[in-house]
Amino acid sequence: MKKIVLLLRSGDFLTRQRMTRWAAGLILGYVCCGVFLGLTAHGVNDYAGRPLGTDFSNVYAAGVATIHGDATAPFNILRQEQTEQAIFGKATQLYGWHYPPFFLLVAAALARLPYIPALILWQAGTLMLYLGSVRLLLRKSAAPWLSADRLGPILALGFTAVFVNATHGQNGFLTAALFASGLALLDERPVVAGMLFGLLCYKPQFAVVIPLVLAATGRWRAFSAAAATVLAAGATVTWMFGTEIWPGFMASAHFTRTVVLEQGNTGFYKLQSVFAAIRMWGG
């Protein structure tokens, strides 16, 4: 037992060869799962009747409603459900839209394509952005050999969160790419970094963290660029979709707070927070 503890502490067991093999094995498993989902799908639904890329379905449905002139529909849970059922069938479960109006820009653009091409474009495009951000971070990392040996991208792909994001069609690739790229460029190109941070406005929970860190470290150029980006995005969506989207978003927060967060109907295990952990333990 003592030898095992010493081995774990030293990290000698974690060789490049082992890392490569484990990551490659996981990637192969992901590919097999993806092929299985594709072969067993029925139109835009998987073998269990769920939309392919489950969580992407609410983004696409919101985009469909928006391009048909009803940008407030995604913020009304019943109208959002009607749109999803019209696309994926009456049996589909509800996938709620909990984003602020900024994300309607992405949703409306993707909804101009048929569902499967839109899903592929979303997943492949954001995955490339994610891998590019990893490469940016590795440029000045303490382990430059990760990039030189091309092990970094392999490890970035052979990561369990990649599988979750890929199968559920989530925005994790995009979020990670914006966050990581902003961090990688913060010192050398603060304005660009600030713009990237500002584009994270579709995930408002980050609005609590990033501005405080930028202000506390005196990075005012990045802070100003982030604020300007958020204001520009807000002005753009208001000009394109009307002022009604903002009251609609504020009203939808009640459903998100009570059903998703307080009651945990989507599963507390999906929420990485102290609040969710305490609620999951019965608090």
Protein backbone atom coordinates (compact mmCIF):
# COMPACT_ATOMS: atom_id res chain seq x y z
CA MET A 1 0.00 0.00 0.00
CA LYS A 2 2.85 2.36 0.86
CA LYS A 3 4.38 1.82 -2.57
CA ILE A 4 1.08 2.71 -4.27
CA VAL A 5 0.79 5.92 -2.24
CA LEU A 6 4.38 6.88 -3.09
CA LEU A 7 3.75 6.15 -6.78
CA LEU A 8 0.64 8.33 -6.79
CA ARG A 9 2.47 11.15 -5.02
CA SER A 10 5.44 11.10 -7.39
CA GLY A 11 3.33 10.98 -10.55
CA ASP A 12 5.92 8.74 -12.21
CA PHE A 13 3.18 6.44 -13.46
CA LEU A 14 1.74 9.27 -15.59
CA THR A 15 4.01 8.88 -18.59
CA ARG A 16 3.41 10.47 -21.98
CA GLN A 17 2.72 7.05 -23.42
CA ARG A 18 0.05 6.29 -20.84
CA MET A 19 -1.56 9.70 -21.23
CA THR A 20 -1.68 9.28 -25.00
CA ARG A 21 -3.17 5.80 -24.81
CA TRP A 22 -5.82 6.69 -22.24
CA ALA A 23 -6.86 9.83 -24.11
CA ALA A 24 -6.89 8.02 -27.46
CA GLY A 25 -9.00 5.24 -25.94
CA LEU A 26 -11.53 7.75 -24.67
CA ILE A 27 -11.65 9.53 -28.03
CA LEU A 28 -12.26 6.22 -29.80
CA GLY A 29 -15.06 5.49 -27.36
CA TYR A 30 -16.63 8.89 -28.05
CA VAL A 31 -16.48 8.28 -31.80
CA CYS A 32 -18.15 4.88 -31.41
CA CYS A 33 -20.92 6.41 -29.31
CA GLY A 34 -21.40 9.13 -31.92
CA VAL A 35 -21.65 6.57 -34.71
CA PHE A 36 -24.16 4.57 -32.66
CA LEU A 37 -26.32 7.66 -32.11
CA GLY A 38 -26.20 8.46 -35.82
CA LEU A 39 -27.09 4.92 -36.96
CA THR A 40 -29.96 4.53 -34.50
CA ALA A 41 -31.46 8.00 -35.04
CA HIS A 42 -34.88 8.59 -36.53
CA GLY A 43 -34.78 11.90 -38.34
CA VAL A 44 -33.87 14.59 -35.82
CA ASN A 45 -34.49 12.30 -32.82
CA ASP A 46 -32.32 9.60 -31.28
CA TYR A 47 -33.26 5.98 -30.54
CA ALA A 48 -35.05 7.07 -27.32
CA GLY A 49 -37.08 9.77 -29.05
CA ARG A 50 -34.99 12.65 -27.69
CA PRO A 51 -33.69 15.36 -30.00
CA LEU A 52 -30.17 14.67 -31.19
CA GLY A 53 -27.89 17.02 -29.27
CA THR A 54 -30.61 17.34 -26.62
CA ASP A 55 -29.65 20.71 -25.12
CA PHE A 56 -29.05 22.25 -28.53
CA SER A 57 -32.72 21.66 -29.33
CA ASN A 58 -33.80 24.59 -27.14
CA VAL A 59 -31.29 26.88 -28.89
CA TYR A 60 -32.52 25.84 -32.31
CA ALA A 61 -36.19 26.17 -31.30
CA ALA A 62 -35.54 29.65 -29.92
CA GLY A 63 -33.85 30.57 -33.19
CA VAL A 64 -36.79 29.26 -35.23
CA ALA A 65 -39.26 31.36 -33.24
CA THR A 66 -37.00 34.39 -33.54
CA ILE A 67 -36.54 34.27 -37.31
CA HIS A 68 -40.31 33.87 -37.65
CA GLY A 69 -40.80 37.19 -35.88
CA ASP A 70 -41.50 36.05 -32.31
CA ALA A 71 -38.30 36.71 -30.36
CA THR A 72 -40.17 36.77 -27.05
CA ALA A 73 -41.44 33.18 -27.44
CA PRO A 74 -38.28 31.50 -26.04
CA PHE A 75 -38.77 33.35 -22.74
CA ASN A 76 -42.28 31.92 -22.34
CA ILE A 77 -41.88 28.30 -21.28
CA LEU A 78 -45.18 27.16 -22.82
CA ARG A 79 -44.51 28.78 -26.19
CA GLN A 80 -40.96 27.43 -26.17
CA GLU A 81 -42.37 23.94 -25.57
CA GLN A 82 -44.81 24.35 -28.46
CA THR A 83 -41.98 25.31 -30.81
CA GLU A 84 -39.89 22.33 -29.73
CA GLN A 85 -42.79 19.92 -30.18
CA ALA A 86 -43.46 21.32 -33.64
CA ILE A 87 -39.86 20.53 -34.61
CA PHE A 88 -39.17 17.30 -32.71
CA GLY A 89 -42.62 15.79 -32.20
CA LYS A 90 -45.28 15.91 -29.51
CA ALA A 91 -43.53 13.31 -27.38
CA THR A 92 -40.37 15.34 -26.84
CA GLN A 93 -39.71 16.58 -23.33
CA LEU A 94 -39.24 20.25 -22.58
CA TYR A 95 -35.78 21.77 -22.92
CA GLY A 96 -36.07 25.24 -21.44
CA TRP A 97 -34.42 28.39 -22.75
CA HIS A 98 -32.60 30.11 -19.88
CA TYR A 99 -30.27 32.44 -21.75
CA PRO A 100 -30.42 36.25 -21.83
CA PRO A 101 -31.37 37.89 -25.17
CA PHE A 102 -27.72 38.07 -26.32
CA PHE A 103 -27.75 34.40 -27.30
CA LEU A 104 -30.64 34.94 -29.69
CA LEU A 105 -28.05 36.20 -32.18
CA VAL A 106 -26.44 32.76 -32.28
CA ALA A 107 -29.76 30.90 -32.17
CA ALA A 108 -31.28 32.88 -35.02
CA ALA A 109 -28.21 32.40 -37.22
CA LEU A 110 -28.16 28.63 -36.69
CA ALA A 111 -31.92 28.26 -37.17
CA ARG A 112 -31.57 29.34 -40.80
CA LEU A 113 -30.13 25.88 -41.47
CA PRO A 114 -31.94 22.53 -41.18
CA TYR A 115 -31.54 21.02 -37.72
CA ILE A 116 -28.86 18.37 -38.38
CA PRO A 117 -26.54 20.69 -40.38
CA ALA A 118 -27.02 23.36 -37.71
CA LEU A 119 -26.10 20.88 -34.97
CA ILE A 120 -23.00 19.71 -36.86
CA LEU A 121 -21.90 23.29 -37.56
CA TRP A 122 -22.43 24.27 -33.92
CA GLN A 123 -20.54 21.28 -32.52
CA ALA A 124 -17.68 21.25 -35.02
CA GLY A 125 -17.23 25.02 -35.05
CA THR A 126 -17.18 25.47 -31.28
CA LEU A 127 -14.97 22.39 -30.86
CA MET A 128 -12.37 23.97 -33.14
CA LEU A 129 -12.55 27.18 -31.11
CA TYR A 130 -12.05 25.16 -27.93
CA LEU A 131 -8.98 23.38 -29.31
CA GLY A 132 -7.60 26.68 -30.58
CA SER A 133 -7.94 28.20 -27.11
CA VAL A 134 -6.08 25.25 -25.60
CA ARG A 135 -3.25 25.86 -28.05
CA LEU A 136 -3.15 29.54 -27.03
CA LEU A 137 -2.90 28.62 -23.37
CA LEU A 138 -0.12 26.10 -23.97
CA ARG A 139 2.13 28.67 -25.64
CA LYS A 140 3.34 29.96 -22.29
CA SER A 141 2.54 27.00 -20.10
CA ALA A 142 4.95 25.28 -17.72
CA ALA A 143 4.76 22.23 -19.97
CA PRO A 144 5.49 23.44 -23.54
CA TRP A 145 6.13 19.85 -24.61
CA LEU A 146 2.37 19.28 -24.52
CA SER A 147 2.04 21.52 -27.56
CA ALA A 148 5.28 20.41 -29.22
CA ASP A 149 4.30 16.73 -29.02
CA ARG A 150 0.71 17.50 -30.01
CA LEU A 151 -0.29 15.81 -26.80
CA GLY A 152 -2.20 18.87 -25.63
CA PRO A 153 -4.99 18.59 -28.24
CA ILE A 154 -5.22 14.84 -27.64
CA LEU A 155 -5.66 15.37 -23.91
CA ALA A 156 -8.10 18.21 -24.57
CA LEU A 157 -10.22 15.87 -26.69
CA GLY A 158 -9.81 12.82 -24.45
CA PHE A 159 -11.62 14.57 -21.62
CA THR A 160 -14.94 13.31 -20.29
CA ALA A 161 -16.54 16.79 -20.39
CA VAL A 162 -15.94 16.79 -24.17
CA PHE A 163 -18.14 13.71 -24.49
CA VAL A 164 -20.91 15.28 -22.40
CA ASN A 165 -20.77 18.51 -24.37
CA ALA A 166 -20.67 16.73 -27.73
CA THR A 167 -23.61 14.41 -27.04
CA HIS A 168 -25.77 17.09 -25.43
CA GLY A 169 -24.99 19.91 -27.86
CA GLN A 170 -24.13 22.29 -25.04
CA ASN A 171 -22.24 25.58 -25.26
CA GLY A 172 -19.31 24.41 -23.13
CA PHE A 173 -16.87 24.42 -26.05
CA LEU A 174 -17.69 28.04 -26.83
CA THR A 175 -17.64 29.12 -23.19
CA ALA A 176 -14.29 27.44 -22.57
CA ALA A 177 -12.86 28.92 -25.77
CA LEU A 178 -13.85 32.49 -24.90
CA PHE A 179 -12.70 32.20 -21.30
CA ALA A 180 -9.40 30.46 -22.09
CA SER A 181 -8.56 32.71 -25.04
CA GLY A 182 -9.28 35.78 -22.95
CA LEU A 183 -6.92 34.56 -20.25
CA ALA A 184 -4.24 33.65 -22.79
CA LEU A 185 -4.34 37.11 -24.40
CA LEU A 186 -4.94 39.19 -21.29
CA ASP A 187 -1.38 40.49 -20.91
CA GLU A 188 -0.36 40.96 -24.53
CA ARG A 189 -3.70 42.05 -26.06
CA PRO A 190 -5.93 43.30 -23.24
CA VAL A 191 -8.54 44.90 -25.51
CA VAL A 192 -9.07 41.68 -27.47
CA ALA A 193 -9.15 39.74 -24.21
CA GLY A 194 -11.77 42.11 -22.85
CA MET A 195 -13.90 41.68 -25.95
CA LEU A 196 -13.73 37.90 -25.57
CA PHE A 197 -14.76 38.19 -21.92
CA GLY A 198 -17.58 40.51 -22.95
CA LEU A 199 -18.90 37.91 -25.39
CA LEU A 200 -19.49 35.64 -22.40
CA CYS A 201 -22.50 37.82 -21.56
CA TYR A 202 -24.76 34.95 -22.64
CA LYS A 203 -23.60 33.24 -19.42
CA PRO A 204 -24.46 36.02 -16.92
CA GLN A 205 -23.13 34.08 -13.92
CA PHE A 206 -19.63 34.94 -15.15
CA ALA A 207 -20.52 38.62 -14.89
CA VAL A 208 -19.98 38.32 -11.15
CA VAL A 209 -16.47 36.93 -11.46
CA ILE A 210 -14.67 38.45 -14.44
CA PRO A 211 -15.24 42.20 -13.85
CA LEU A 212 -14.21 41.87 -10.21
CA VAL A 213 -10.96 40.14 -11.15
CA LEU A 214 -10.18 42.64 -13.90
CA ALA A 215 -10.86 45.58 -11.58
CA ALA A 216 -8.94 44.06 -8.67
CA THR A 217 -5.87 43.54 -10.87
CA GLY A 218 -6.10 46.99 -12.46
CA ARG A 219 -6.72 45.70 -15.97
CA TRP A 220 -8.89 48.65 -16.97
CA ARG A 221 -8.37 48.35 -20.72
CA ALA A 222 -9.70 44.82 -20.66
CA PHE A 223 -12.48 45.88 -18.27
CA SER A 224 -13.56 48.72 -20.57
CA ALA A 225 -13.42 46.53 -23.67
CA ALA A 226 -15.57 43.89 -21.96
CA ALA A 227 -18.14 46.49 -20.86
CA ALA A 228 -18.25 48.04 -24.34
CA THR A 229 -18.74 44.60 -25.91
CA VAL A 230 -21.68 43.83 -23.63
CA LEU A 231 -23.29 47.20 -24.39
CA ALA A 232 -22.78 46.72 -28.12
CA ALA A 233 -24.28 43.22 -27.98
CA GLY A 234 -27.24 44.52 -26.01
CA ALA A 235 -27.85 47.34 -28.47
CA THR A 236 -27.60 44.92 -31.41
CA VAL A 237 -30.15 42.41 -30.11
CA THR A 238 -32.51 45.22 -29.09
CA TRP A 239 -32.28 46.78 -32.56
CA MET A 240 -32.79 43.43 -34.28
CA PHE A 241 -35.47 41.85 -32.09
CA GLY A 242 -37.18 44.70 -30.22
CA THR A 243 -37.27 45.98 -26.67
CA GLU A 244 -39.85 43.37 -25.57
CA ILE A 245 -37.13 40.72 -25.26
CA TRP A 246 -35.79 42.28 -22.05
CA PRO A 247 -39.04 42.21 -20.00
CA GLY A 248 -39.56 38.70 -21.38
CA PHE A 249 -36.15 37.62 -20.13
CA MET A 250 -36.73 39.13 -16.68
CA ALA A 251 -40.07 37.36 -16.41
CA SER A 252 -38.54 34.03 -17.44
CA ALA A 253 -36.05 34.28 -14.57
CA HIS A 254 -38.84 33.29 -12.16
CA PHE A 255 -39.22 29.88 -13.84
CA THR A 256 -35.46 29.38 -13.97
CA ARG A 257 -35.05 30.29 -10.31
CA THR A 258 -37.92 28.25 -8.89
CA VAL A 259 -38.04 25.17 -11.14
CA VAL A 260 -34.45 24.73 -12.32
CA LEU A 261 -32.47 26.07 -9.35
CA GLU A 262 -34.61 25.83 -6.21
CA GLN A 263 -36.55 22.67 -7.08
CA GLY A 264 -33.75 21.15 -9.14
CA ASN A 265 -36.05 19.57 -11.73
CA THR A 266 -33.16 19.21 -14.18
CA GLY A 267 -30.99 17.53 -11.52
CA PHE A 268 -28.83 19.16 -8.87
CA TYR A 269 -25.94 16.92 -9.94
CA LYS A 270 -25.76 18.95 -13.15
CA LEU A 271 -25.11 22.21 -11.30
CA GLN A 272 -21.56 22.86 -10.09
CA SER A 273 -22.22 25.07 -7.09
CA VAL A 274 -22.24 24.95 -3.31
CA PHE A 275 -25.99 25.62 -3.40
CA ALA A 276 -26.65 22.59 -5.62
CA ALA A 277 -24.40 20.36 -3.52
CA ILE A 278 -26.24 21.26 -0.31
CA ARG A 279 -29.64 20.78 -1.96
CA MET A 280 -28.52 17.42 -3.37
CA TRP A 281 -27.54 16.34 0.16
CA GLY A 282 -30.97 17.27 1.46
CA GLY A 283 -30.25 20.78 2.71
